[in-house]
């Protein structure tokens, strides 16, 4: 069973010439093939949008992580600066005439 060069050429010309589209099988199933094509296009576009959104989510997660670390660093720096000994050192360095009270603060009650 040898395949002849003429038969191969005839089949290729049948497909490339477009006469294959006029056959009964393709005419009956054009709606089905159109629906399959539309579903394939929708599937590809959905997958692409999903991948792009996942990449954006990962980017936002990394950014959130960086911002959290920055916030923690700033908070620890603020805690260190606001300690009483640090405040007293800054007062002494800037020659401010402030003194720490010798009497602790107390609350005044309303009189009846």
PDB file of N, CA and C in Angstrom:
ATOM      1  N   UNK A   1       0.840  -1.170   0.000  1.00  0.00           N
ATOM      2  CA  UNK A   1       0.000   0.000   0.000  1.00  0.00           C
ATOM      3  C   UNK A   1       0.892   1.243   0.000  1.00  0.00           C
ATOM      4  N   UNK A   2       1.166   1.693  -1.164  1.00  0.00           N
ATOM      5  CA  UNK A   2       2.022   2.863  -1.315  1.00  0.00           C
ATOM      6  C   UNK A   2       1.162   4.104  -1.520  1.00  0.00           C
ATOM      7  N   UNK A   3       1.591   5.167  -0.903  1.00  0.00           N
ATOM      8  CA  UNK A   3       0.904   6.436  -1.077  1.00  0.00           C
ATOM      9  C   UNK A   3       1.575   7.155  -2.238  1.00  0.00           C
ATOM     10  N   UNK A   4       0.787   7.535  -3.177  1.00  0.00           N
ATOM     11  CA  UNK A   4       1.341   8.178  -4.363  1.00  0.00           C
ATOM     12  C   UNK A   4       1.466   9.676  -4.139  1.00  0.00           C
ATOM     13  N   UNK A   5       2.438  10.241  -4.799  1.00  0.00           N
ATOM     14  CA  UNK A   5       2.696  11.668  -4.697  1.00  0.00           C
ATOM     15  C   UNK A   5       1.500  12.462  -5.223  1.00  0.00           C
ATOM     16  N   UNK A   6       0.828  11.943  -6.233  1.00  0.00           N
ATOM     17  CA  UNK A   6      -0.340  12.632  -6.793  1.00  0.00           C
ATOM     18  C   UNK A   6      -1.473  12.698  -5.771  1.00  0.00           C
ATOM     19  N   UNK A   7      -1.659  11.618  -5.002  1.00  0.00           N
ATOM     20  CA  UNK A   7      -2.728  11.609  -3.996  1.00  0.00           C
ATOM     21  C   UNK A   7      -2.446  12.617  -2.883  1.00  0.00           C
ATOM     22  N   UNK A   8      -1.200  12.695  -2.457  1.00  0.00           N
ATOM     23  CA  UNK A   8      -0.828  13.657  -1.406  1.00  0.00           C
ATOM     24  C   UNK A   8      -1.035  15.078  -1.910  1.00  0.00           C
ATOM     25  N   UNK A   9      -0.599  15.333  -3.141  1.00  0.00           N
ATOM     26  CA  UNK A   9      -0.756  16.665  -3.722  1.00  0.00           C
ATOM     27  C   UNK A   9      -2.233  17.016  -3.868  1.00  0.00           C
ATOM     28  N   UNK A  10      -3.044  16.052  -4.250  1.00  0.00           N
ATOM     29  CA  UNK A  10      -4.481  16.276  -4.417  1.00  0.00           C
ATOM     30  C   UNK A  10      -5.133  16.608  -3.069  1.00  0.00           C
ATOM     31  N   UNK A  11      -4.749  15.884  -2.020  1.00  0.00           N
ATOM     32  CA  UNK A  11      -5.312  16.134  -0.681  1.00  0.00           C
ATOM     33  C   UNK A  11      -4.882  17.498  -0.145  1.00  0.00           C
ATOM     34  N   UNK A  12      -3.627  17.864  -0.374  1.00  0.00           N
ATOM     35  CA  UNK A  12      -3.148  19.176   0.090  1.00  0.00           C
ATOM     36  C   UNK A  12      -3.890  20.291  -0.646  1.00  0.00           C
ATOM     37  N   UNK A  13      -4.067  20.160  -1.918  1.00  0.00           N
ATOM     38  CA  UNK A  13      -4.790  21.173  -2.692  1.00  0.00           C
ATOM     39  C   UNK A  13      -6.264  21.225  -2.282  1.00  0.00           C
ATOM     40  N   UNK A  14      -6.812  20.077  -1.885  1.00  0.00           N
ATOM     41  CA  UNK A  14      -8.197  20.025  -1.407  1.00  0.00           C
ATOM     42  C   UNK A  14      -8.354  20.855  -0.128  1.00  0.00           C
ATOM     43  N   UNK A  15      -7.381  20.740   0.775  1.00  0.00           N
ATOM     44  CA  UNK A  15      -7.436  21.478   2.043  1.00  0.00           C
ATOM     45  C   UNK A  15      -7.106  22.953   1.816  1.00  0.00           C
ATOM     46  N   UNK A  16      -6.014  23.227   1.107  1.00  0.00           N
ATOM     47  CA  UNK A  16      -5.587  24.620   0.912  1.00  0.00           C
ATOM     48  C   UNK A  16      -6.512  25.381  -0.032  1.00  0.00           C
ATOM     49  N   UNK A  17      -7.147  24.703  -0.930  1.00  0.00           N
ATOM     50  CA  UNK A  17      -8.034  25.368  -1.882  1.00  0.00           C
ATOM     51  C   UNK A  17      -9.344  25.808  -1.265  1.00  0.00           C
ATOM     52  N   UNK A  18      -9.690  25.267  -0.111  1.00  0.00           N
ATOM     53  CA  UNK A  18     -10.915  25.675   0.553  1.00  0.00           C
ATOM     54  C   UNK A  18     -12.104  24.811   0.202  1.00  0.00           C
ATOM     55  N   UNK A  19     -11.951  23.845  -0.669  1.00  0.00           N
ATOM     56  CA  UNK A  19     -13.086  23.000  -1.031  1.00  0.00           C
ATOM     57  C   UNK A  19     -13.460  22.058   0.099  1.00  0.00           C
ATOM     58  N   UNK A  20     -12.556  21.877   1.054  1.00  0.00           N
ATOM     59  CA  UNK A  20     -12.880  21.020   2.204  1.00  0.00           C
ATOM     60  C   UNK A  20     -13.998  21.653   3.040  1.00  0.00           C
ATOM     61  N   UNK A  21     -14.080  22.992   3.001  1.00  0.00           N
ATOM     62  CA  UNK A  21     -15.100  23.690   3.784  1.00  0.00           C
ATOM     63  C   UNK A  21     -16.496  23.547   3.189  1.00  0.00           C
ATOM     64  N   UNK A  22     -16.567  23.164   1.953  1.00  0.00           N
ATOM     65  CA  UNK A  22     -17.882  23.012   1.316  1.00  0.00           C
ATOM     66  C   UNK A  22     -18.417  21.597   1.447  1.00  0.00           C
ATOM     67  N   UNK A  23     -17.676  20.721   2.070  1.00  0.00           N
ATOM     68  CA  UNK A  23     -18.150  19.350   2.249  1.00  0.00           C
ATOM     69  C   UNK A  23     -19.298  19.326   3.248  1.00  0.00           C
ATOM     70  N   UNK A  24     -20.072  18.303   3.192  1.00  0.00           N
ATOM     71  CA  UNK A  24     -21.285  18.171   4.000  1.00  0.00           C
ATOM     72  C   UNK A  24     -20.976  18.157   5.504  1.00  0.00           C
ATOM     73  N   UNK A  25     -19.909  17.487   5.909  1.00  0.00           N
ATOM     74  CA  UNK A  25     -19.548  17.394   7.328  1.00  0.00           C
ATOM     75  C   UNK A  25     -19.297  18.775   7.927  1.00  0.00           C
ATOM     76  N   UNK A  26     -18.523  19.606   7.234  1.00  0.00           N
ATOM     77  CA  UNK A  26     -18.194  20.931   7.760  1.00  0.00           C
ATOM     78  C   UNK A  26     -19.390  21.871   7.708  1.00  0.00           C
ATOM     79  N   UNK A  27     -20.229  21.721   6.704  1.00  0.00           N
ATOM     80  CA  UNK A  27     -21.409  22.570   6.621  1.00  0.00           C
ATOM     81  C   UNK A  27     -22.381  22.280   7.751  1.00  0.00           C
ATOM     82  N   UNK A  28     -22.505  21.008   8.112  1.00  0.00           N
ATOM     83  CA  UNK A  28     -23.426  20.645   9.190  1.00  0.00           C
ATOM     84  C   UNK A  28     -22.903  21.073  10.562  1.00  0.00           C
ATOM     85  N   UNK A  29     -21.601  21.108  10.730  1.00  0.00           N
ATOM     86  CA  UNK A  29     -21.015  21.366  12.046  1.00  0.00           C
ATOM     87  C   UNK A  29     -20.388  22.750  12.192  1.00  0.00           C
ATOM     88  N   UNK A  30     -20.737  23.701  11.346  1.00  0.00           N
ATOM     89  CA  UNK A  30     -20.136  25.038  11.452  1.00  0.00           C
ATOM     90  C   UNK A  30     -20.525  25.732  12.752  1.00  0.00           C
ATOM     91  N   UNK A  31     -21.759  25.593  13.179  1.00  0.00           N
ATOM     92  CA  UNK A  31     -22.177  26.212  14.448  1.00  0.00           C
ATOM     93  C   UNK A  31     -21.407  25.630  15.621  1.00  0.00           C
ATOM     94  N   UNK A  32     -21.270  24.320  15.633  1.00  0.00           N
ATOM     95  CA  UNK A  32     -20.534  23.664  16.708  1.00  0.00           C
ATOM     96  C   UNK A  32     -19.076  24.124  16.723  1.00  0.00           C
ATOM     97  N   UNK A  33     -18.450  24.183  15.572  1.00  0.00           N
ATOM     98  CA  UNK A  33     -17.051  24.614  15.509  1.00  0.00           C
ATOM     99  C   UNK A  33     -16.911  26.076  15.917  1.00  0.00           C
ATOM    100  N   UNK A  34     -17.892  26.897  15.567  1.00  0.00           N
ATOM    101  CA  UNK A  34     -17.872  28.299  15.973  1.00  0.00           C
ATOM    102  C   UNK A  34     -17.995  28.421  17.492  1.00  0.00           C
ATOM    103  N   UNK A  35     -18.885  27.641  18.090  1.00  0.00           N
ATOM    104  CA  UNK A  35     -19.042  27.659  19.549  1.00  0.00           C
ATOM    105  C   UNK A  35     -17.760  27.180  20.233  1.00  0.00           C
ATOM    106  N   UNK A  36     -17.142  26.134  19.714  1.00  0.00           N
ATOM    107  CA  UNK A  36     -15.884  25.638  20.286  1.00  0.00           C
ATOM    108  C   UNK A  36     -14.805  26.706  20.177  1.00  0.00           C
ATOM    109  N   UNK A  37     -14.733  27.394  19.050  1.00  0.00           N
ATOM    110  CA  UNK A  37     -13.738  28.455  18.870  1.00  0.00           C
ATOM    111  C   UNK A  37     -13.963  29.586  19.869  1.00  0.00           C
ATOM    112  N   UNK A  38     -15.213  29.994  20.064  1.00  0.00           N
ATOM    113  CA  UNK A  38     -15.527  31.072  21.009  1.00  0.00           C
ATOM    114  C   UNK A  38     -15.164  30.645  22.431  1.00  0.00           C
ATOM    115  N   UNK A  39     -15.470  29.414  22.783  1.00  0.00           N
ATOM    116  CA  UNK A  39     -15.131  28.919  24.121  1.00  0.00           C
ATOM    117  C   UNK A  39     -13.618  28.907  24.317  1.00  0.00           C
ATOM    118  N   UNK A  40     -12.879  28.523  23.298  1.00  0.00           N
ATOM    119  CA  UNK A  40     -11.416  28.520  23.399  1.00  0.00           C
ATOM    120  C   UNK A  40     -10.874  29.932  23.604  1.00  0.00           C
ATOM    121  N   UNK A  41     -11.417  30.895  22.868  1.00  0.00           N
ATOM    122  CA  UNK A  41     -10.971  32.284  23.011  1.00  0.00           C
ATOM    123  C   UNK A  41     -11.295  32.796  24.411  1.00  0.00           C
ATOM    124  N   UNK A  42     -12.485  32.498  24.919  1.00  0.00           N
ATOM    125  CA  UNK A  42     -12.862  32.928  26.267  1.00  0.00           C
ATOM    126  C   UNK A  42     -11.969  32.276  27.327  1.00  0.00           C
ATOM    127  N   UNK A  43     -11.643  31.018  27.146  1.00  0.00           N
ATOM    128  CA  UNK A  43     -10.776  30.308  28.085  1.00  0.00           C
ATOM    129  C   UNK A  43      -9.383  30.935  28.110  1.00  0.00           C
ATOM    130  N   UNK A  44      -8.847  31.239  26.954  1.00  0.00           N
ATOM    131  CA  UNK A  44      -7.510  31.834  26.889  1.00  0.00           C
ATOM    132  C   UNK A  44      -7.508  33.226  27.512  1.00  0.00           C
ATOM    133  N   UNK A  45      -8.526  34.029  27.218  1.00  0.00           N
ATOM    134  CA  UNK A  45      -8.568  35.376  27.793  1.00  0.00           C
ATOM    135  C   UNK A  45      -8.783  35.329  29.303  1.00  0.00           C
ATOM    136  N   UNK A  46      -9.583  34.392  29.782  1.00  0.00           N
ATOM    137  CA  UNK A  46      -9.805  34.249  31.218  1.00  0.00           C
ATOM    138  C   UNK A  46      -8.515  33.841  31.914  1.00  0.00           C
ATOM    139  N   UNK A  47      -7.794  32.917  31.342  1.00  0.00           N
ATOM    140  CA  UNK A  47      -6.530  32.470  31.923  1.00  0.00           C
ATOM    141  C   UNK A  47      -5.517  33.610  31.954  1.00  0.00           C
ATOM    142  N   UNK A  48      -5.444  34.379  30.884  1.00  0.00           N
ATOM    143  CA  UNK A  48      -4.517  35.505  30.839  1.00  0.00           C
ATOM    144  C   UNK A  48      -4.850  36.535  31.917  1.00  0.00           C
ATOM    145  N   UNK A  49      -6.123  36.872  32.066  1.00  0.00           N
ATOM    146  CA  UNK A  49      -6.495  37.859  33.088  1.00  0.00           C
ATOM    147  C   UNK A  49      -6.233  37.316  34.489  1.00  0.00           C
ATOM    148  N   UNK A  50      -6.446  36.019  34.685  1.00  0.00           N
ATOM    149  CA  UNK A  50      -6.182  35.408  35.987  1.00  0.00           C
ATOM    150  C   UNK A  50      -4.692  35.470  36.319  1.00  0.00           C
ATOM    151  N   UNK A  51      -3.846  35.159  35.356  1.00  0.00           N
ATOM    152  CA  UNK A  51      -2.406  35.192  35.583  1.00  0.00           C
ATOM    153  C   UNK A  51      -1.938  36.608  35.873  1.00  0.00           C
ATOM    154  N   UNK A  52      -2.465  37.584  35.141  1.00  0.00           N
ATOM    155  CA  UNK A  52      -2.051  38.969  35.384  1.00  0.00           C
ATOM    156  C   UNK A  52      -2.512  39.452  36.759  1.00  0.00           C
ATOM    157  N   UNK A  53      -3.709  39.044  37.179  1.00  0.00           N
ATOM    158  CA  UNK A  53      -4.187  39.435  38.507  1.00  0.00           C
ATOM    159  C   UNK A  53      -3.376  38.759  39.608  1.00  0.00           C
ATOM    160  N   UNK A  54      -2.986  37.518  39.398  1.00  0.00           N
ATOM    161  CA  UNK A  54      -2.158  36.835  40.398  1.00  0.00           C
ATOM    162  C   UNK A  54      -0.795  37.505  40.519  1.00  0.00           C
ATOM    163  N   UNK A  55      -0.236  37.949  39.400  1.00  0.00           N
ATOM    164  CA  UNK A  55       1.041  38.660  39.447  1.00  0.00           C
ATOM    165  C   UNK A  55       0.891  39.981  40.197  1.00  0.00           C
ATOM    166  N   UNK A  56      -0.217  40.660  39.993  1.00  0.00           N
ATOM    167  CA  UNK A  56      -0.462  41.914  40.709  1.00  0.00           C
ATOM    168  C   UNK A  56      -0.627  41.663  42.205  1.00  0.00           C
ATOM    169  N   UNK A  57      -1.301  40.582  42.569  1.00  0.00           N
ATOM    170  CA  UNK A  57      -1.484  40.239  43.986  1.00  0.00           C
ATOM    171  C   UNK A  57      -0.138  39.963  44.637  1.00  0.00           C
ATOM    172  N   UNK A  58       0.732  39.224  43.962  1.00  0.00           N
ATOM    173  CA  UNK A  58       2.062  38.936  44.504  1.00  0.00           C
ATOM    174  C   UNK A  58       2.861  40.216  44.683  1.00  0.00           C
ATOM    175  N   UNK A  59       2.764  41.119  43.726  1.00  0.00           N
ATOM    176  CA  UNK A  59       3.465  42.391  43.818  1.00  0.00           C
ATOM    177  C   UNK A  59       2.959  43.201  45.013  1.00  0.00           C
ATOM    178  N   UNK A  60       1.649  43.225  45.199  1.00  0.00           N
ATOM    179  CA  UNK A  60       1.074  43.965  46.330  1.00  0.00           C
ATOM    180  C   UNK A  60       1.440  43.322  47.668  1.00  0.00           C
ATOM    181  N   UNK A  61       1.563  41.986  47.698  1.00  0.00           N
ATOM    182  CA  UNK A  61       1.974  41.316  48.930  1.00  0.00           C
ATOM    183  C   UNK A  61       3.396  41.702  49.303  1.00  0.00           C
ATOM    184  N   UNK A  62       4.290  41.750  48.296  1.00  0.00           N
ATOM    185  CA  UNK A  62       5.667  42.155  48.571  1.00  0.00           C
ATOM    186  C   UNK A  62       5.717  43.592  49.055  1.00  0.00           C
ATOM    187  N   UNK A  63       4.924  44.469  48.437  1.00  0.00           N
ATOM    188  CA  UNK A  63       4.893  45.870  48.840  1.00  0.00           C
ATOM    189  C   UNK A  63       4.358  46.004  50.262  1.00  0.00           C
ATOM    190  N   UNK A  64       3.322  45.239  50.608  1.00  0.00           N
ATOM    191  CA  UNK A  64       2.766  45.272  51.955  1.00  0.00           C
ATOM    192  C   UNK A  64       3.795  44.816  52.977  1.00  0.00           C
ATOM    193  N   UNK A  65       4.544  43.790  52.648  1.00  0.00           N
ATOM    194  CA  UNK A  65       5.580  43.291  53.546  1.00  0.00           C
ATOM    195  C   UNK A  65       6.635  44.366  53.795  1.00  0.00           C
ATOM    196  N   UNK A  66       7.061  45.051  52.724  1.00  0.00           N
ATOM    197  CA  UNK A  66       8.049  46.123  52.869  1.00  0.00           C
ATOM    198  C   UNK A  66       7.517  47.258  53.733  1.00  0.00           C
ATOM    199  N   UNK A  67       6.258  47.616  53.530  1.00  0.00           N
ATOM    200  CA  UNK A  67       5.666  48.711  54.309  1.00  0.00           C
ATOM    201  C   UNK A  67       5.541  48.322  55.777  1.00  0.00           C
ATOM    202  N   UNK A  68       5.210  47.052  56.049  1.00  0.00           N
ATOM    203  CA  UNK A  68       5.122  46.604  57.440  1.00  0.00           C
ATOM    204  C   UNK A  68       6.475  46.704  58.128  1.00  0.00           C
ATOM    205  N   UNK A  69       7.546  46.281  57.438  1.00  0.00           N
ATOM    206  CA  UNK A  69       8.880  46.372  58.022  1.00  0.00           C
ATOM    207  C   UNK A  69       9.282  47.827  58.246  1.00  0.00           C
ATOM    208  N   UNK A  70       8.939  48.685  57.301  1.00  0.00           N
ATOM    209  CA  UNK A  70       9.251  50.101  57.456  1.00  0.00           C
ATOM    210  C   UNK A  70       8.497  50.696  58.645  1.00  0.00           C
ATOM    211  N   UNK A  71       7.231  50.327  58.789  1.00  0.00           N
ATOM    212  CA  UNK A  71       6.431  50.812  59.913  1.00  0.00           C
ATOM    213  C   UNK A  71       7.004  50.337  61.240  1.00  0.00           C
ATOM    214  N   UNK A  72       7.426  49.095  61.288  1.00  0.00           N
ATOM    215  CA  UNK A  72       8.022  48.559  62.508  1.00  0.00           C
ATOM    216  C   UNK A  72       9.313  49.279  62.858  1.00  0.00           C
ATOM    217  N   UNK A  73      10.124  49.576  61.853  1.00  0.00           N
ATOM    218  CA  UNK A  73      11.378  50.294  62.080  1.00  0.00           C
ATOM    219  C   UNK A  73      11.114  51.692  62.617  1.00  0.00           C
ATOM    220  N   UNK A  74      10.174  52.400  61.998  1.00  0.00           N
ATOM    221  CA  UNK A  74       9.844  53.757  62.450  1.00  0.00           C
ATOM    222  C   UNK A  74       9.282  53.728  63.869  1.00  0.00           C
ATOM    223  N   UNK A  75       8.446  52.751  64.170  1.00  0.00           N
ATOM    224  CA  UNK A  75       7.867  52.635  65.510  1.00  0.00           C
ATOM    225  C   UNK A  75       8.941  52.386  66.554  1.00  0.00           C
ATOM    226  N   UNK A  76       9.894  51.516  66.242  1.00  0.00           N
ATOM    227  CA  UNK A  76      10.959  51.248  67.221  1.00  0.00           C
ATOM    228  C   UNK A  76      11.860  52.466  67.396  1.00  0.00           C
ATOM    229  N   UNK A  77      12.123  53.205  66.302  1.00  0.00           N
ATOM    230  CA  UNK A  77      12.918  54.436  66.423  1.00  0.00           C
ATOM    231  C   UNK A  77      12.194  55.460  67.282  1.00  0.00           C
ATOM    232  N   UNK A  78      10.894  55.603  67.091  1.00  0.00           N
ATOM    233  CA  UNK A  78      10.111  56.560  67.873  1.00  0.00           C
ATOM    234  C   UNK A  78      10.091  56.166  69.347  1.00  0.00           C
ATOM    235  N   UNK A  79       9.983  54.863  69.613  1.00  0.00           N
ATOM    236  CA  UNK A  79      10.001  54.400  71.000  1.00  0.00           C
ATOM    237  C   UNK A  79      11.344  54.706  71.651  1.00  0.00           C
ATOM    238  N   UNK A  80      12.414  54.509  70.905  1.00  0.00           N
ATOM    239  CA  UNK A  80      13.744  54.794  71.444  1.00  0.00           C
ATOM    240  C   UNK A  80      13.955  56.267  71.704  1.00  0.00           C
ATOM    241  N   UNK A  81      13.458  57.127  70.823  1.00  0.00           N
ATOM    242  CA  UNK A  81      13.645  58.573  70.980  1.00  0.00           C
ATOM    243  C   UNK A  81      12.800  59.116  72.119  1.00  0.00           C
ATOM    244  N   UNK A  82      11.640  58.536  72.379  1.00  0.00           N
ATOM    245  CA  UNK A  82      10.734  59.095  73.380  1.00  0.00           C
ATOM    246  C   UNK A  82      11.004  58.590  74.798  1.00  0.00           C
ATOM    247  N   UNK A  83      12.043  57.814  74.999  1.00  0.00           N
ATOM    248  CA  UNK A  83      12.384  57.388  76.368  1.00  0.00           C
ATOM    249  C   UNK A  83      12.830  58.598  77.176  1.00  0.00           C
ATOM    250  N   UNK A  84      12.605  58.543  78.476  1.00  0.00           N
ATOM    251  CA  UNK A  84      12.880  59.693  79.332  1.00  0.00           C
ATOM    252  C   UNK A  84      14.361  60.050  79.337  1.00  0.00           C
ATOM    253  N   UNK A  85      15.227  59.073  79.347  1.00  0.00           N
ATOM    254  CA  UNK A  85      16.662  59.380  79.356  1.00  0.00           C
ATOM    255  C   UNK A  85      17.084  60.024  78.029  1.00  0.00           C
ATOM    256  N   UNK A  86      16.515  59.576  76.947  1.00  0.00           N
ATOM    257  CA  UNK A  86      16.837  60.159  75.643  1.00  0.00           C
ATOM    258  C   UNK A  86      16.327  61.589  75.562  1.00  0.00           C
ATOM    259  N   UNK A  87      15.123  61.828  76.088  1.00  0.00           N
ATOM    260  CA  UNK A  87      14.563  63.176  76.093  1.00  0.00           C
ATOM    261  C   UNK A  87      15.424  64.088  76.956  1.00  0.00           C
ATOM    262  N   UNK A  88      15.865  63.602  78.110  1.00  0.00           N
ATOM    263  CA  UNK A  88      16.707  64.401  78.992  1.00  0.00           C
ATOM    264  C   UNK A  88      18.042  64.720  78.319  1.00  0.00           C
ATOM    265  N   UNK A  89      18.602  63.790  77.608  1.00  0.00           N
ATOM    266  CA  UNK A  89      19.860  64.021  76.895  1.00  0.00           C
ATOM    267  C   UNK A  89      19.680  65.097  75.822  1.00  0.00           C
ATOM    268  N   UNK A  90      18.577  65.039  75.073  1.00  0.00           N
ATOM    269  CA  UNK A  90      18.315  66.047  74.052  1.00  0.00           C
ATOM    270  C   UNK A  90      18.095  67.437  74.663  1.00  0.00           C
ATOM    271  N   UNK A  91      17.444  67.485  75.827  1.00  0.00           N
ATOM    272  CA  UNK A  91      17.235  68.762  76.515  1.00  0.00           C
ATOM    273  C   UNK A  91      18.576  69.345  76.931  1.00  0.00           C
ATOM    274  N   UNK A  92      19.450  68.517  77.467  1.00  0.00           N
ATOM    275  CA  UNK A  92      20.762  68.992  77.907  1.00  0.00           C
ATOM    276  C   UNK A  92      21.629  69.428  76.725  1.00  0.00           C
ATOM    277  N   UNK A  93      21.553  68.728  75.612  1.00  0.00           N
ATOM    278  CA  UNK A  93      22.364  69.071  74.435  1.00  0.00           C
ATOM    279  C   UNK A  93      21.933  70.403  73.822  1.00  0.00           C
ATOM    280  N   UNK A  94      20.652  70.702  73.859  1.00  0.00           N
ATOM    281  CA  UNK A  94      20.139  71.921  73.250  1.00  0.00           C
ATOM    282  C   UNK A  94      20.057  73.091  74.229  1.00  0.00           C
ATOM    283  N   UNK A  95      20.563  72.915  75.426  1.00  0.00           N
ATOM    284  CA  UNK A  95      20.579  73.963  76.461  1.00  0.00           C
ATOM    285  C   UNK A  95      19.207  74.567  76.701  1.00  0.00           C
ATOM    286  N   UNK A  96      18.204  73.721  76.795  1.00  0.00           N
ATOM    287  CA  UNK A  96      16.863  74.176  77.145  1.00  0.00           C
ATOM    288  C   UNK A  96      16.780  74.245  78.662  1.00  0.00           C
ATOM    289  N   UNK A  97      16.080  75.214  79.149  1.00  0.00           N
ATOM    290  CA  UNK A  97      15.980  75.400  80.589  1.00  0.00           C
ATOM    291  C   UNK A  97      14.744  74.703  81.122  1.00  0.00           C
ATOM    292  N   UNK A  98      14.716  73.404  80.882  1.00  0.00           N
ATOM    293  CA  UNK A  98      13.627  72.579  81.379  1.00  0.00           C
ATOM    294  C   UNK A  98      14.190  71.652  82.436  1.00  0.00           C
ATOM    295  N   UNK A  99      13.367  71.411  83.469  1.00  0.00           N
ATOM    296  CA  UNK A  99      13.803  70.500  84.523  1.00  0.00           C
ATOM    297  C   UNK A  99      12.702  69.483  84.764  1.00  0.00           C
ATOM    298  N   UNK A 100      13.111  68.328  85.217  1.00  0.00           N
ATOM    299  CA  UNK A 100      12.119  67.311  85.553  1.00  0.00           C
ATOM    300  C   UNK A 100      11.510  67.669  86.893  1.00  0.00           C
ATOM    301  N   UNK A 101      10.218  67.481  87.039  1.00  0.00           N
ATOM    302  CA  UNK A 101       9.567  67.841  88.305  1.00  0.00           C
ATOM    303  C   UNK A 101      10.020  66.894  89.428  1.00  0.00           C
ATOM    304  N   UNK A 102      10.206  67.458  90.603  1.00  0.00           N
ATOM    305  CA  UNK A 102      10.598  66.650  91.756  1.00  0.00           C
ATOM    306  C   UNK A 102       9.376  66.071  92.467  1.00  0.00           C
ATOM    307  N   UNK A 103       8.219  66.695  92.259  1.00  0.00           N
ATOM    308  CA  UNK A 103       6.976  66.222  92.860  1.00  0.00           C
ATOM    309  C   UNK A 103       6.182  65.488  91.774  1.00  0.00           C
ATOM    310  N   UNK A 104       5.734  64.295  92.035  1.00  0.00           N
ATOM    311  CA  UNK A 104       4.974  63.585  91.007  1.00  0.00           C
ATOM    312  C   UNK A 104       3.626  64.268  90.751  1.00  0.00           C
ATOM    313  N   UNK A 105       3.094  64.041  89.615  1.00  0.00           N
ATOM    314  CA  UNK A 105       1.812  64.660  89.234  1.00  0.00           C
ATOM    315  C   UNK A 105       0.690  64.011  90.053  1.00  0.00           C
ATOM    316  N   UNK A 106      -0.299  64.844  90.313  1.00  0.00           N
ATOM    317  CA  UNK A 106      -1.446  64.331  91.057  1.00  0.00           C
ATOM    318  C   UNK A 106      -2.706  64.891  90.440  1.00  0.00           C
ATOM    319  N   UNK A 107      -3.835  64.221  90.728  1.00  0.00           N
ATOM    320  CA  UNK A 107      -5.101  64.572  90.134  1.00  0.00           C
ATOM    321  C   UNK A 107      -5.921  65.365  91.142  1.00  0.00           C
ATOM    322  N   UNK A 108      -6.544  66.440  90.654  1.00  0.00           N
ATOM    323  CA  UNK A 108      -7.412  67.254  91.497  1.00  0.00           C
ATOM    324  C   UNK A 108      -8.835  66.744  91.367  1.00  0.00           C
ATOM    325  N   UNK A 109      -9.479  66.569  92.471  1.00  0.00           N
ATOM    326  CA  UNK A 109     -10.874  66.132  92.481  1.00  0.00           C
ATOM    327  C   UNK A 109     -11.774  67.350  92.611  1.00  0.00           C
ATOM    328  N   UNK A 110     -12.981  67.203  92.071  1.00  0.00           N
ATOM    329  CA  UNK A 110     -13.972  68.270  92.211  1.00  0.00           C
ATOM    330  C   UNK A 110     -14.471  68.298  93.665  1.00  0.00           C
ATOM    331  N   UNK A 111     -14.687  69.490  94.131  1.00  0.00           N
ATOM    332  CA  UNK A 111     -15.263  69.599  95.475  1.00  0.00           C
ATOM    333  C   UNK A 111     -16.764  69.685  95.358  1.00  0.00           C
ATOM    334  N   UNK A 112     -17.418  69.099  96.310  1.00  0.00           N
ATOM    335  CA  UNK A 112     -18.881  69.101  96.290  1.00  0.00           C
ATOM    336  C   UNK A 112     -19.462  70.273  96.981  1.00  0.00           C
TER     337      UNK A 112
END
